[in-house]
Amino acid sequence: MVSVQPRKNDRFQCKDLGDEFLAYDSEQDEIHVLNGTARDIYLLCDGQTEIDAIASSLCEKYGVESRRALTDIEKVLEDMLRLGLLTVDSQV
């Protein structure tokens, strides 16, 4: 999954409340609440940034080891993809 370039799904309306990040899905009439780390991951998903670059950015911010960060980020991204928060346009 490292070469995947996830991007935010346009159907979500988002609001950053500081400690929480809300993503409203108007098609499903559901609200998803992201914690700070999940918010950071979500905001880096621009359809151009690969997962290893997202991990690198978060390693710098949170001071965590890259292999652990990559594993955790992949789990979060899988959840976001399953919920429809993200889409994937291309794979290398």
Protein backbone atom coordinates (compact mmCIF):
# COMPACT_ATOMS: atom_id res chain seq x y z
CA MET A 1 0.00 0.00 0.00
CA VAL A 2 3.05 2.30 0.30
CA SER A 3 2.89 3.51 -3.33
CA VAL A 4 -0.80 4.42 -3.10
CA GLN A 5 -1.70 8.11 -3.28
CA PRO A 6 -4.98 8.49 -1.38
CA ARG A 7 -7.09 11.62 -1.69
CA LYS A 8 -10.00 13.05 0.23
CA ASN A 9 -13.45 12.14 -1.03
CA ASP A 10 -15.19 15.32 -2.20
CA ARG A 11 -18.57 14.25 -0.82
CA PHE A 12 -17.45 15.01 2.74
CA GLN A 13 -17.83 18.38 4.42
CA CYS A 14 -15.20 18.82 7.11
CA LYS A 15 -14.80 21.01 10.16
CA ASP A 16 -11.73 21.22 12.38
CA LEU A 17 -12.68 21.78 16.02
CA GLY A 18 -9.15 21.64 17.42
CA ASP A 19 -9.27 18.43 19.46
CA GLU A 20 -11.62 16.78 16.99
CA PHE A 21 -12.09 16.83 13.25
CA LEU A 22 -15.58 16.20 11.89
CA ALA A 23 -16.27 14.77 8.45
CA TYR A 24 -19.92 14.80 7.38
CA ASP A 25 -21.01 12.38 4.68
CA SER A 26 -24.09 13.93 3.08
CA GLU A 27 -24.85 10.82 1.02
CA GLN A 28 -24.98 8.54 4.05
CA ASP A 29 -26.03 11.25 6.54
CA GLU A 30 -23.18 10.20 8.85
CA ILE A 31 -20.61 12.13 10.82
CA HIS A 32 -17.14 10.68 11.38
CA VAL A 33 -15.01 12.07 14.20
CA LEU A 34 -11.24 11.93 13.75
CA ASN A 35 -8.70 12.40 16.51
CA GLY A 36 -5.69 14.67 16.00
CA THR A 37 -3.43 12.04 14.45
CA ALA A 38 -6.13 10.76 12.10
CA ARG A 39 -6.87 14.37 11.14
CA ASP A 40 -3.20 14.92 10.27
CA ILE A 41 -3.19 11.79 8.11
CA TYR A 42 -6.45 12.79 6.40
CA LEU A 43 -5.25 16.31 5.63
CA LEU A 44 -2.08 14.96 3.98
CA CYS A 45 -4.13 12.82 1.57
CA ASP A 46 -4.10 15.05 -1.50
CA GLY A 47 -3.96 12.43 -4.27
CA GLN A 48 -0.30 13.22 -4.92
CA THR A 49 1.45 12.31 -1.68
CA GLU A 50 2.41 8.66 -1.25
CA ILE A 51 1.93 6.90 2.05
CA ASP A 52 5.65 6.71 2.82
CA ALA A 53 5.83 10.52 2.53
CA ILE A 54 2.81 10.85 4.84
CA ALA A 55 4.57 8.57 7.32
CA SER A 56 7.77 10.61 7.08
CA SER A 57 5.89 13.82 7.80
CA LEU A 58 4.18 12.32 10.84
CA CYS A 59 7.42 10.80 12.13
CA GLU A 60 8.90 14.29 12.19
CA LYS A 61 5.86 15.78 13.90
CA TYR A 62 5.37 13.07 16.54
CA GLY A 63 8.92 11.71 16.89
CA VAL A 64 8.02 8.08 16.22
CA GLU A 65 9.94 5.29 14.49
CA SER A 66 9.15 5.05 10.77
CA ARG A 67 8.22 1.35 10.56
CA ARG A 68 5.77 1.66 13.43
CA ALA A 69 4.32 4.86 11.98
CA LEU A 70 3.87 3.29 8.55
CA THR A 71 2.06 0.27 10.02
CA ASP A 72 -0.26 2.49 12.06
CA ILE A 73 -0.91 4.86 9.15
CA GLU A 74 -1.78 1.99 6.83
CA LYS A 75 -4.38 0.77 9.35
CA VAL A 76 -5.91 4.24 9.63
CA LEU A 77 -5.95 4.65 5.85
CA GLU A 78 -7.63 1.26 5.40
CA ASP A 79 -10.37 2.38 7.81
CA MET A 80 -10.77 5.71 6.00
CA LEU A 81 -10.97 3.97 2.62
CA ARG A 82 -13.55 1.53 3.99
CA LEU A 83 -15.65 4.42 5.34
CA GLY A 84 -15.36 6.30 2.05
CA LEU A 85 -13.45 9.26 3.55
CA LEU A 86 -10.68 8.63 1.02
CA THR A 87 -10.42 7.38 -2.52
CA VAL A 88 -7.48 6.09 -4.52
CA ASP A 89 -6.92 7.31 -8.07
CA SER A 90 -3.77 5.40 -8.95
CA GLN A 91 -1.27 2.82 -7.84
CA VAL A 92 2.32 2.50 -8.97
